[in-house]
Amino acid sequence: MNGLFKLYVEGSVGWMTLITLALVGVLIAMWKAPKWVRELGLLGLSLGLLGWFTGFCQAFVDIMKAGDISMGVVCGGVKVALIAPLYGILVYLVSVVISTVQSPRK
């Protein structure tokens, strides 16, 4: 499996797809509705954080059911849980750059 596709799947296809739709919205808004660029970037960031929190809640439930687990398993889960928020941050940064380029300082 390709590296980026593997990260996409590991980060939860549902959340990653929603964040990708926010990125597509940012890119479309760049031409059609420049005032929405940053808001759509914030939507991507918010979706990433929401995916992170729901992933952690599910992980804690699974840990409670499993009982005693190794630290390596927990660290691997944390690594996977951080994929969606990092992607959301990337979408937000793209929106900030686009927004800044479109409206330079006066």
PDB file of N, CA and C in Angstrom:
ATOM      1  N   MET A   1       0.841  -1.180   0.000  1.00  0.00           N
ATOM      2  CA  MET A   1       0.000   0.000   0.000  1.00  0.00           C
ATOM      3  C   MET A   1       0.888   1.247   0.000  1.00  0.00           C
ATOM      4  N   ASN A   2       0.481   2.250  -0.747  1.00  0.00           N
ATOM      5  CA  ASN A   2       1.203   3.504  -0.804  1.00  0.00           C
ATOM      6  C   ASN A   2       1.209   4.179   0.574  1.00  0.00           C
ATOM      7  N   GLY A   3       2.250   4.946   0.888  1.00  0.00           N
ATOM      8  CA  GLY A   3       2.398   5.564   2.199  1.00  0.00           C
ATOM      9  C   GLY A   3       1.274   6.519   2.563  1.00  0.00           C
ATOM     10  N   LEU A   4       0.914   7.418   1.627  1.00  0.00           N
ATOM     11  CA  LEU A   4      -0.149   8.377   1.919  1.00  0.00           C
ATOM     12  C   LEU A   4      -1.508   7.695   2.009  1.00  0.00           C
ATOM     13  N   PHE A   5      -1.741   6.711   1.141  1.00  0.00           N
ATOM     14  CA  PHE A   5      -3.012   5.994   1.204  1.00  0.00           C
ATOM     15  C   PHE A   5      -3.117   5.211   2.507  1.00  0.00           C
ATOM     16  N   LYS A   6      -1.995   4.653   2.944  1.00  0.00           N
ATOM     17  CA  LYS A   6      -1.981   3.916   4.211  1.00  0.00           C
ATOM     18  C   LYS A   6      -2.326   4.845   5.378  1.00  0.00           C
ATOM     19  N   LEU A   7      -1.755   6.036   5.390  1.00  0.00           N
ATOM     20  CA  LEU A   7      -2.089   7.013   6.429  1.00  0.00           C
ATOM     21  C   LEU A   7      -3.569   7.406   6.358  1.00  0.00           C
ATOM     22  N   TYR A   8      -4.079   7.555   5.143  1.00  0.00           N
ATOM     23  CA  TYR A   8      -5.483   7.913   4.956  1.00  0.00           C
ATOM     24  C   TYR A   8      -6.390   6.854   5.573  1.00  0.00           C
ATOM     25  N   VAL A   9      -6.082   5.592   5.318  1.00  0.00           N
ATOM     26  CA  VAL A   9      -6.900   4.499   5.837  1.00  0.00           C
ATOM     27  C   VAL A   9      -6.728   4.378   7.351  1.00  0.00           C
ATOM     28  N   GLU A  10      -5.491   4.497   7.837  1.00  0.00           N
ATOM     29  CA  GLU A  10      -5.251   4.386   9.282  1.00  0.00           C
ATOM     30  C   GLU A  10      -5.926   5.510  10.054  1.00  0.00           C
ATOM     31  N   GLY A  11      -6.020   6.689   9.449  1.00  0.00           N
ATOM     32  CA  GLY A  11      -6.605   7.838  10.133  1.00  0.00           C
ATOM     33  C   GLY A  11      -8.118   7.814  10.198  1.00  0.00           C
ATOM     34  N   SER A  12      -8.733   6.739   9.756  1.00  0.00           N
ATOM     35  CA  SER A  12     -10.185   6.547   9.704  1.00  0.00           C
ATOM     36  C   SER A  12     -10.727   7.168   8.424  1.00  0.00           C
ATOM     37  N   VAL A  13     -11.145   6.319   7.531  1.00  0.00           N
ATOM     38  CA  VAL A  13     -11.588   6.761   6.212  1.00  0.00           C
ATOM     39  C   VAL A  13     -12.712   7.789   6.323  1.00  0.00           C
ATOM     40  N   GLY A  14     -13.606   7.597   7.263  1.00  0.00           N
ATOM     41  CA  GLY A  14     -14.715   8.540   7.421  1.00  0.00           C
ATOM     42  C   GLY A  14     -14.252   9.947   7.744  1.00  0.00           C
ATOM     43  N   TRP A  15     -13.428  10.074   8.770  1.00  0.00           N
ATOM     44  CA  TRP A  15     -12.944  11.399   9.180  1.00  0.00           C
ATOM     45  C   TRP A  15     -12.028  11.996   8.121  1.00  0.00           C
ATOM     46  N   MET A  16     -11.162  11.173   7.554  1.00  0.00           N
ATOM     47  CA  MET A  16     -10.228  11.685   6.553  1.00  0.00           C
ATOM     48  C   MET A  16     -10.974  12.161   5.303  1.00  0.00           C
ATOM     49  N   THR A  17     -12.059  11.486   4.942  1.00  0.00           N
ATOM     50  CA  THR A  17     -12.857  11.915   3.797  1.00  0.00           C
ATOM     51  C   THR A  17     -13.536  13.249   4.075  1.00  0.00           C
ATOM     52  N   LEU A  18     -14.064  13.410   5.271  1.00  0.00           N
ATOM     53  CA  LEU A  18     -14.686  14.693   5.623  1.00  0.00           C
ATOM     54  C   LEU A  18     -13.658  15.832   5.592  1.00  0.00           C
ATOM     55  N   ILE A  19     -12.467  15.574   6.093  1.00  0.00           N
ATOM     56  CA  ILE A  19     -11.417  16.596   6.079  1.00  0.00           C
ATOM     57  C   ILE A  19     -10.996  16.898   4.643  1.00  0.00           C
ATOM     58  N   THR A  20     -10.924  15.859   3.813  1.00  0.00           N
ATOM     59  CA  THR A  20     -10.580  16.061   2.405  1.00  0.00           C
ATOM     60  C   THR A  20     -11.644  16.890   1.701  1.00  0.00           C
ATOM     61  N   LEU A  21     -12.899  16.669   2.038  1.00  0.00           N
ATOM     62  CA  LEU A  21     -13.964  17.498   1.464  1.00  0.00           C
ATOM     63  C   LEU A  21     -13.816  18.956   1.881  1.00  0.00           C
ATOM     64  N   ALA A  22     -13.370  19.182   3.106  1.00  0.00           N
ATOM     65  CA  ALA A  22     -13.108  20.558   3.545  1.00  0.00           C
ATOM     66  C   ALA A  22     -11.961  21.155   2.733  1.00  0.00           C
ATOM     67  N   LEU A  23     -10.929  20.357   2.440  1.00  0.00           N
ATOM     68  CA  LEU A  23      -9.817  20.834   1.614  1.00  0.00           C
ATOM     69  C   LEU A  23     -10.286  21.159   0.201  1.00  0.00           C
ATOM     70  N   VAL A  24     -11.113  20.298  -0.361  1.00  0.00           N
ATOM     71  CA  VAL A  24     -11.671  20.573  -1.694  1.00  0.00           C
ATOM     72  C   VAL A  24     -12.501  21.857  -1.647  1.00  0.00           C
ATOM     73  N   GLY A  25     -13.253  22.043  -0.567  1.00  0.00           N
ATOM     74  CA  GLY A  25     -14.015  23.272  -0.396  1.00  0.00           C
ATOM     75  C   GLY A  25     -13.122  24.497  -0.340  1.00  0.00           C
ATOM     76  N   VAL A  26     -11.994  24.380   0.334  1.00  0.00           N
ATOM     77  CA  VAL A  26     -11.033  25.490   0.399  1.00  0.00           C
ATOM     78  C   VAL A  26     -10.537  25.829  -1.000  1.00  0.00           C
ATOM     79  N   LEU A  27     -10.192  24.799  -1.763  1.00  0.00           N
ATOM     80  CA  LEU A  27      -9.648  25.036  -3.093  1.00  0.00           C
ATOM     81  C   LEU A  27     -10.701  25.610  -4.041  1.00  0.00           C
ATOM     82  N   ILE A  28     -11.939  25.184  -3.911  1.00  0.00           N
ATOM     83  CA  ILE A  28     -13.013  25.752  -4.739  1.00  0.00           C
ATOM     84  C   ILE A  28     -13.315  27.180  -4.296  1.00  0.00           C
ATOM     85  N   ALA A  29     -13.354  27.402  -2.994  1.00  0.00           N
ATOM     86  CA  ALA A  29     -13.644  28.738  -2.467  1.00  0.00           C
ATOM     87  C   ALA A  29     -12.563  29.743  -2.838  1.00  0.00           C
ATOM     88  N   MET A  30     -11.377  29.245  -3.105  1.00  0.00           N
ATOM     89  CA  MET A  30     -10.288  30.137  -3.493  1.00  0.00           C
ATOM     90  C   MET A  30     -10.696  30.959  -4.726  1.00  0.00           C
ATOM     91  N   TRP A  31     -11.473  30.361  -5.630  1.00  0.00           N
ATOM     92  CA  TRP A  31     -11.922  31.071  -6.821  1.00  0.00           C
ATOM     93  C   TRP A  31     -13.340  31.609  -6.688  1.00  0.00           C
ATOM     94  N   LYS A  32     -14.204  30.850  -6.077  1.00  0.00           N
ATOM     95  CA  LYS A  32     -15.629  31.198  -6.079  1.00  0.00           C
ATOM     96  C   LYS A  32     -16.062  32.082  -4.908  1.00  0.00           C
ATOM     97  N   ALA A  33     -15.518  31.832  -3.719  1.00  0.00           N
ATOM     98  CA  ALA A  33     -15.948  32.568  -2.522  1.00  0.00           C
ATOM     99  C   ALA A  33     -14.755  32.770  -1.591  1.00  0.00           C
ATOM    100  N   PRO A  34     -13.871  33.707  -1.921  1.00  0.00           N
ATOM    101  CA  PRO A  34     -12.637  33.885  -1.148  1.00  0.00           C
ATOM    102  C   PRO A  34     -12.839  34.121   0.351  1.00  0.00           C
ATOM    103  N   LYS A  35     -13.983  34.665   0.741  1.00  0.00           N
ATOM    104  CA  LYS A  35     -14.213  34.918   2.171  1.00  0.00           C
ATOM    105  C   LYS A  35     -14.455  33.633   2.961  1.00  0.00           C
ATOM    106  N   TRP A  36     -14.753  32.543   2.267  1.00  0.00           N
ATOM    107  CA  TRP A  36     -15.025  31.271   2.937  1.00  0.00           C
ATOM    108  C   TRP A  36     -13.783  30.416   3.116  1.00  0.00           C
ATOM    109  N   VAL A  37     -12.676  30.837   2.555  1.00  0.00           N
ATOM    110  CA  VAL A  37     -11.472  29.994   2.567  1.00  0.00           C
ATOM    111  C   VAL A  37     -11.058  29.646   3.988  1.00  0.00           C
ATOM    112  N   ARG A  38     -10.929  30.644   4.821  1.00  0.00           N
ATOM    113  CA  ARG A  38     -10.464  30.380   6.186  1.00  0.00           C
ATOM    114  C   ARG A  38     -11.491  29.608   7.006  1.00  0.00           C
ATOM    115  N   GLU A  39     -12.765  29.891   6.775  1.00  0.00           N
ATOM    116  CA  GLU A  39     -13.807  29.175   7.510  1.00  0.00           C
ATOM    117  C   GLU A  39     -13.816  27.691   7.151  1.00  0.00           C
ATOM    118  N   LEU A  40     -13.634  27.382   5.870  1.00  0.00           N
ATOM    119  CA  LEU A  40     -13.572  25.982   5.472  1.00  0.00           C
ATOM    120  C   LEU A  40     -12.311  25.312   6.006  1.00  0.00           C
ATOM    121  N   GLY A  41     -11.222  26.072   6.112  1.00  0.00           N
ATOM    122  CA  GLY A  41     -10.009  25.542   6.740  1.00  0.00           C
ATOM    123  C   GLY A  41     -10.242  25.223   8.214  1.00  0.00           C
ATOM    124  N   LEU A  42     -10.964  26.104   8.888  1.00  0.00           N
ATOM    125  CA  LEU A  42     -11.312  25.846  10.287  1.00  0.00           C
ATOM    126  C   LEU A  42     -12.222  24.637  10.423  1.00  0.00           C
ATOM    127  N   LEU A  43     -13.094  24.437   9.434  1.00  0.00           N
ATOM    128  CA  LEU A  43     -13.941  23.249   9.437  1.00  0.00           C
ATOM    129  C   LEU A  43     -13.083  21.991   9.354  1.00  0.00           C
ATOM    130  N   GLY A  44     -12.076  22.000   8.475  1.00  0.00           N
ATOM    131  CA  GLY A  44     -11.165  20.856   8.376  1.00  0.00           C
ATOM    132  C   GLY A  44     -10.430  20.604   9.676  1.00  0.00           C
ATOM    133  N   LEU A  45      -9.956  21.673  10.310  1.00  0.00           N
ATOM    134  CA  LEU A  45      -9.272  21.542  11.597  1.00  0.00           C
ATOM    135  C   LEU A  45     -10.215  20.995  12.663  1.00  0.00           C
ATOM    136  N   SER A  46     -11.422  21.513  12.704  1.00  0.00           N
ATOM    137  CA  SER A  46     -12.401  21.060  13.697  1.00  0.00           C
ATOM    138  C   SER A  46     -12.759  19.594  13.494  1.00  0.00           C
ATOM    139  N   LEU A  47     -12.923  19.185  12.241  1.00  0.00           N
ATOM    140  CA  LEU A  47     -13.224  17.782  11.965  1.00  0.00           C
ATOM    141  C   LEU A  47     -12.073  16.877  12.388  1.00  0.00           C
ATOM    142  N   GLY A  48     -10.845  17.325  12.172  1.00  0.00           N
ATOM    143  CA  GLY A  48      -9.685  16.548  12.616  1.00  0.00           C
ATOM    144  C   GLY A  48      -9.663  16.376  14.121  1.00  0.00           C
ATOM    145  N   LEU A  49      -9.938  17.453  14.831  1.00  0.00           N
ATOM    146  CA  LEU A  49      -9.955  17.369  16.295  1.00  0.00           C
ATOM    147  C   LEU A  49     -11.112  16.516  16.796  1.00  0.00           C
ATOM    148  N   LEU A  50     -12.263  16.629  16.153  1.00  0.00           N
ATOM    149  CA  LEU A  50     -13.406  15.810  16.530  1.00  0.00           C
ATOM    150  C   LEU A  50     -13.114  14.327  16.293  1.00  0.00           C
ATOM    151  N   GLY A  51     -12.468  14.022  15.177  1.00  0.00           N
ATOM    152  CA  GLY A  51     -12.068  12.641  14.910  1.00  0.00           C
ATOM    153  C   GLY A  51     -11.088  12.124  15.942  1.00  0.00           C
ATOM    154  N   TRP A  52     -10.183  13.002  16.388  1.00  0.00           N
ATOM    155  CA  TRP A  52      -9.199  12.631  17.409  1.00  0.00           C
ATOM    156  C   TRP A  52      -9.906  12.300  18.722  1.00  0.00           C
ATOM    157  N   PHE A  53     -10.818  13.158  19.136  1.00  0.00           N
ATOM    158  CA  PHE A  53     -11.500  12.932  20.411  1.00  0.00           C
ATOM    159  C   PHE A  53     -12.361  11.684  20.385  1.00  0.00           C
ATOM    160  N   THR A  54     -13.078  11.480  19.294  1.00  0.00           N
ATOM    161  CA  THR A  54     -13.899  10.276  19.225  1.00  0.00           C
ATOM    162  C   THR A  54     -13.035   9.028  19.165  1.00  0.00           C
ATOM    163  N   GLY A  55     -11.893   9.116  18.491  1.00  0.00           N
ATOM    164  CA  GLY A  55     -10.959   7.982  18.460  1.00  0.00           C
ATOM    165  C   GLY A  55     -10.409   7.668  19.837  1.00  0.00           C
ATOM    166  N   PHE A  56     -10.074   8.695  20.602  1.00  0.00           N
ATOM    167  CA  PHE A  56      -9.572   8.468  21.954  1.00  0.00           C
ATOM    168  C   PHE A  56     -10.650   7.884  22.860  1.00  0.00           C
ATOM    169  N   CYS A  57     -11.876   8.367  22.729  1.00  0.00           N
ATOM    170  CA  CYS A  57     -12.955   7.799  23.540  1.00  0.00           C
ATOM    171  C   CYS A  57     -13.139   6.320  23.235  1.00  0.00           C
ATOM    172  N   GLN A  58     -13.119   5.964  21.956  1.00  0.00           N
ATOM    173  CA  GLN A  58     -13.251   4.560  21.581  1.00  0.00           C
ATOM    174  C   GLN A  58     -12.055   3.749  22.071  1.00  0.00           C
ATOM    175  N   ALA A  59     -10.858   4.323  22.000  1.00  0.00           N
ATOM    176  CA  ALA A  59      -9.664   3.619  22.483  1.00  0.00           C
ATOM    177  C   ALA A  59      -9.743   3.375  23.985  1.00  0.00           C
ATOM    178  N   PHE A  60     -10.211   4.349  24.726  1.00  0.00           N
ATOM    179  CA  PHE A  60     -10.321   4.167  26.178  1.00  0.00           C
ATOM    180  C   PHE A  60     -11.336   3.091  26.520  1.00  0.00           C
ATOM    181  N   VAL A  61     -12.436   3.033  25.774  1.00  0.00           N
ATOM    182  CA  VAL A  61     -13.420   1.971  25.986  1.00  0.00           C
ATOM    183  C   VAL A  61     -12.790   0.612  25.707  1.00  0.00           C
ATOM    184  N   ASP A  62     -12.040   0.508  24.606  1.00  0.00           N
ATOM    185  CA  ASP A  62     -11.391  -0.761  24.266  1.00  0.00           C
ATOM    186  C   ASP A  62     -10.333  -1.154  25.294  1.00  0.00           C
ATOM    187  N   ILE A  63      -9.607  -0.179  25.822  1.00  0.00           N
ATOM    188  CA  ILE A  63      -8.593  -0.460  26.841  1.00  0.00           C
ATOM    189  C   ILE A  63      -9.263  -0.944  28.120  1.00  0.00           C
ATOM    190  N   MET A  64     -10.389  -0.330  28.476  1.00  0.00           N
ATOM    191  CA  MET A  64     -11.103  -0.774  29.670  1.00  0.00           C
ATOM    192  C   MET A  64     -11.590  -2.210  29.510  1.00  0.00           C
ATOM    193  N   LYS A  65     -12.065  -2.563  28.318  1.00  0.00           N
ATOM    194  CA  LYS A  65     -12.533  -3.921  28.080  1.00  0.00           C
ATOM    195  C   LYS A  65     -11.385  -4.921  28.094  1.00  0.00           C
ATOM    196  N   ALA A  66     -10.232  -4.526  27.534  1.00  0.00           N
ATOM    197  CA  ALA A  66      -9.094  -5.449  27.429  1.00  0.00           C
ATOM    198  C   ALA A  66      -8.376  -5.627  28.757  1.00  0.00           C
ATOM    199  N   GLY A  67      -8.442  -4.643  29.606  1.00  0.00           N
ATOM    200  CA  GLY A  67      -7.738  -4.728  30.885  1.00  0.00           C
ATOM    201  C   GLY A  67      -6.309  -4.232  30.744  1.00  0.00           C
ATOM    202  N   ASP A  68      -5.365  -5.038  31.152  1.00  0.00           N
ATOM    203  CA  ASP A  68      -3.953  -4.647  31.145  1.00  0.00           C
ATOM    204  C   ASP A  68      -3.366  -4.856  29.750  1.00  0.00           C
ATOM    205  N   ILE A  69      -2.880  -3.760  29.113  1.00  0.00           N
ATOM    206  CA  ILE A  69      -2.244  -3.878  27.805  1.00  0.00           C
ATOM    207  C   ILE A  69      -0.883  -3.210  27.845  1.00  0.00           C
ATOM    208  N   SER A  70      -0.052  -3.521  26.871  1.00  0.00           N
ATOM    209  CA  SER A  70       1.317  -2.999  26.867  1.00  0.00           C
ATOM    210  C   SER A  70       1.341  -1.534  26.431  1.00  0.00           C
ATOM    211  N   MET A  71       2.399  -0.872  26.819  1.00  0.00           N
ATOM    212  CA  MET A  71       2.577   0.533  26.472  1.00  0.00           C
ATOM    213  C   MET A  71       2.793   0.702  24.973  1.00  0.00           C
ATOM    214  N   GLY A  72       3.385  -0.285  24.326  1.00  0.00           N
ATOM    215  CA  GLY A  72       3.598  -0.227  22.882  1.00  0.00           C
ATOM    216  C   GLY A  72       2.287  -0.163  22.114  1.00  0.00           C
ATOM    217  N   VAL A  73       1.301  -0.909  22.585  1.00  0.00           N
ATOM    218  CA  VAL A  73      -0.013  -0.893  21.943  1.00  0.00           C
ATOM    219  C   VAL A  73      -0.660   0.478  22.132  1.00  0.00           C
ATOM    220  N   VAL A  74      -0.536   1.045  23.300  1.00  0.00           N
ATOM    221  CA  VAL A  74      -1.106   2.369  23.566  1.00  0.00           C
ATOM    222  C   VAL A  74      -0.429   3.424  22.695  1.00  0.00           C
ATOM    223  N   CYS A  75       0.895   3.382  22.608  1.00  0.00           N
ATOM    224  CA  CYS A  75       1.627   4.356  21.799  1.00  0.00           C
ATOM    225  C   CYS A  75       1.280   4.227  20.324  1.00  0.00           C
ATOM    226  N   GLY A  76       1.107   3.000  19.848  1.00  0.00           N
ATOM    227  CA  GLY A  76       0.690   2.806  18.464  1.00  0.00           C
ATOM    228  C   GLY A  76      -0.689   3.385  18.221  1.00  0.00           C
ATOM    229  N   GLY A  77      -1.581   3.230  19.169  1.00  0.00           N
ATOM    230  CA  GLY A  77      -2.914   3.804  19.052  1.00  0.00           C
ATOM    231  C   GLY A  77      -2.896   5.318  19.058  1.00  0.00           C
ATOM    232  N   VAL A  78      -2.037   5.907  19.888  1.00  0.00           N
ATOM    233  CA  VAL A  78      -1.920   7.367  19.930  1.00  0.00           C
ATOM    234  C   VAL A  78      -1.384   7.883  18.601  1.00  0.00           C
ATOM    235  N   LYS A  79      -0.413   7.169  18.035  1.00  0.00           N
ATOM    236  CA  LYS A  79       0.144   7.563  16.740  1.00  0.00           C
ATOM    237  C   LYS A  79      -0.940   7.579  15.674  1.00  0.00           C
ATOM    238  N   VAL A  80      -1.749   6.555  15.636  1.00  0.00           N
ATOM    239  CA  VAL A  80      -2.836   6.479  14.654  1.00  0.00           C
ATOM    240  C   VAL A  80      -3.880   7.554  14.935  1.00  0.00           C
ATOM    241  N   ALA A  81      -4.146   7.816  16.200  1.00  0.00           N
ATOM    242  CA  ALA A  81      -5.164   8.809  16.558  1.00  0.00           C
ATOM    243  C   ALA A  81      -4.755  10.217  16.152  1.00  0.00           C
ATOM    244  N   LEU A  82      -3.468  10.472  16.000  1.00  0.00           N
ATOM    245  CA  LEU A  82      -3.003  11.811  15.661  1.00  0.00           C
ATOM    246  C   LEU A  82      -2.995  12.087  14.157  1.00  0.00           C
ATOM    247  N   ILE A  83      -3.296  11.095  13.339  1.00  0.00           N
ATOM    248  CA  ILE A  83      -3.253  11.295  11.888  1.00  0.00           C
ATOM    249  C   ILE A  83      -4.326  12.285  11.436  1.00  0.00           C
ATOM    250  N   ALA A  84      -5.559  12.113  11.860  1.00  0.00           N
ATOM    251  CA  ALA A  84      -6.655  12.998  11.438  1.00  0.00           C
ATOM    252  C   ALA A  84      -6.441  14.443  11.896  1.00  0.00           C
ATOM    253  N   PRO A  85      -6.033  14.694  13.143  1.00  0.00           N
ATOM    254  CA  PRO A  85      -5.804  16.093  13.524  1.00  0.00           C
ATOM    255  C   PRO A  85      -4.659  16.732  12.749  1.00  0.00           C
ATOM    256  N   LEU A  86      -3.623  15.954  12.464  1.00  0.00           N
ATOM    257  CA  LEU A  86      -2.521  16.519  11.682  1.00  0.00           C
ATOM    258  C   LEU A  86      -2.977  16.884  10.279  1.00  0.00           C
ATOM    259  N   TYR A  87      -3.808  16.064   9.694  1.00  0.00           N
ATOM    260  CA  TYR A  87      -4.354  16.364   8.376  1.00  0.00           C
ATOM    261  C   TYR A  87      -5.254  17.595   8.445  1.00  0.00           C
ATOM    262  N   GLY A  88      -6.047  17.707   9.500  1.00  0.00           N
ATOM    263  CA  GLY A  88      -6.883  18.890   9.682  1.00  0.00           C
ATOM    264  C   GLY A  88      -6.060  20.160   9.838  1.00  0.00           C
ATOM    265  N   ILE A  89      -4.953  20.063  10.567  1.00  0.00           N
ATOM    266  CA  ILE A  89      -4.052  21.212  10.723  1.00  0.00           C
ATOM    267  C   ILE A  89      -3.457  21.600   9.373  1.00  0.00           C
ATOM    268  N   LEU A  90      -3.085  20.606   8.579  1.00  0.00           N
ATOM    269  CA  LEU A  90      -2.546  20.869   7.248  1.00  0.00           C
ATOM    270  C   LEU A  90      -3.574  21.593   6.379  1.00  0.00           C
ATOM    271  N   VAL A  91      -4.816  21.166   6.424  1.00  0.00           N
ATOM    272  CA  VAL A  91      -5.878  21.824   5.657  1.00  0.00           C
ATOM    273  C   VAL A  91      -6.039  23.267   6.132  1.00  0.00           C
ATOM    274  N   TYR A  92      -6.000  23.475   7.434  1.00  0.00           N
ATOM    275  CA  TYR A  92      -6.117  24.837   7.957  1.00  0.00           C
ATOM    276  C   TYR A  92      -4.939  25.709   7.516  1.00  0.00           C
ATOM    277  N   LEU A  93      -3.737  25.165   7.549  1.00  0.00           N
ATOM    278  CA  LEU A  93      -2.568  25.936   7.109  1.00  0.00           C
ATOM    279  C   LEU A  93      -2.673  26.305   5.635  1.00  0.00           C
ATOM    280  N   VAL A  94      -3.157  25.386   4.811  1.00  0.00           N
ATOM    281  CA  VAL A  94      -3.358  25.699   3.395  1.00  0.00           C
ATOM    282  C   VAL A  94      -4.353  26.848   3.261  1.00  0.00           C
ATOM    283  N   SER A  95      -5.423  26.820   4.038  1.00  0.00           N
ATOM    284  CA  SER A  95      -6.423  27.889   3.957  1.00  0.00           C
ATOM    285  C   SER A  95      -5.855  29.227   4.419  1.00  0.00           C
ATOM    286  N   VAL A  96      -5.004  29.202   5.431  1.00  0.00           N
ATOM    287  CA  VAL A  96      -4.396  30.449   5.912  1.00  0.00           C
ATOM    288  C   VAL A  96      -3.468  31.035   4.849  1.00  0.00           C
ATOM    289  N   VAL A  97      -2.676  30.184   4.226  1.00  0.00           N
ATOM    290  CA  VAL A  97      -1.768  30.660   3.179  1.00  0.00           C
ATOM    291  C   VAL A  97      -2.558  31.239   2.010  1.00  0.00           C
ATOM    292  N   ILE A  98      -3.586  30.531   1.571  1.00  0.00           N
ATOM    293  CA  ILE A  98      -4.413  31.022   0.458  1.00  0.00           C
ATOM    294  C   ILE A  98      -5.084  32.337   0.838  1.00  0.00           C
ATOM    295  N   SER A  99      -5.625  32.408   2.030  1.00  0.00           N
ATOM    296  CA  SER A  99      -6.302  33.615   2.482  1.00  0.00           C
ATOM    297  C   SER A  99      -5.323  34.796   2.567  1.00  0.00           C
ATOM    298  N   THR A 100      -4.119  34.528   3.037  1.00  0.00           N
ATOM    299  CA  THR A 100      -3.113  35.585   3.158  1.00  0.00           C
ATOM    300  C   THR A 100      -2.656  36.083   1.788  1.00  0.00           C
ATOM    301  N   VAL A 101      -2.476  35.168   0.865  1.00  0.00           N
ATOM    302  CA  VAL A 101      -2.056  35.553  -0.472  1.00  0.00           C
ATOM    303  C   VAL A 101      -3.147  36.348  -1.189  1.00  0.00           C
ATOM    304  N   GLN A 102      -4.390  35.988  -0.961  1.00  0.00           N
ATOM    305  CA  GLN A 102      -5.499  36.681  -1.611  1.00  0.00           C
ATOM    306  C   GLN A 102      -5.748  38.072  -1.063  1.00  0.00           C
ATOM    307  N   SER A 103      -5.469  38.287   0.194  1.00  0.00           N
ATOM    308  CA  SER A 103      -5.712  39.608   0.774  1.00  0.00           C
ATOM    309  C   SER A 103      -4.454  40.105   1.472  1.00  0.00           C
ATOM    310  N   PRO A 104      -3.484  40.623   0.696  1.00  0.00           N
ATOM    311  CA  PRO A 104      -2.243  41.104   1.308  1.00  0.00           C
ATOM    312  C   PRO A 104      -2.488  42.344   2.160  1.00  0.00           C
ATOM    313  N   ARG A 105      -1.509  42.648   2.989  1.00  0.00           N
ATOM    314  CA  ARG A 105      -1.617  43.829   3.863  1.00  0.00           C
ATOM    315  C   ARG A 105      -1.683  45.102   3.028  1.00  0.00           C
ATOM    316  N   LYS A 106      -2.333  46.083   3.603  1.00  0.00           N
ATOM    317  CA  LYS A 106      -2.453  47.383   2.915  1.00  0.00           C
ATOM    318  C   LYS A 106      -1.519  48.394   3.535  1.00  0.00           C
TER     319      LYS A 106
END
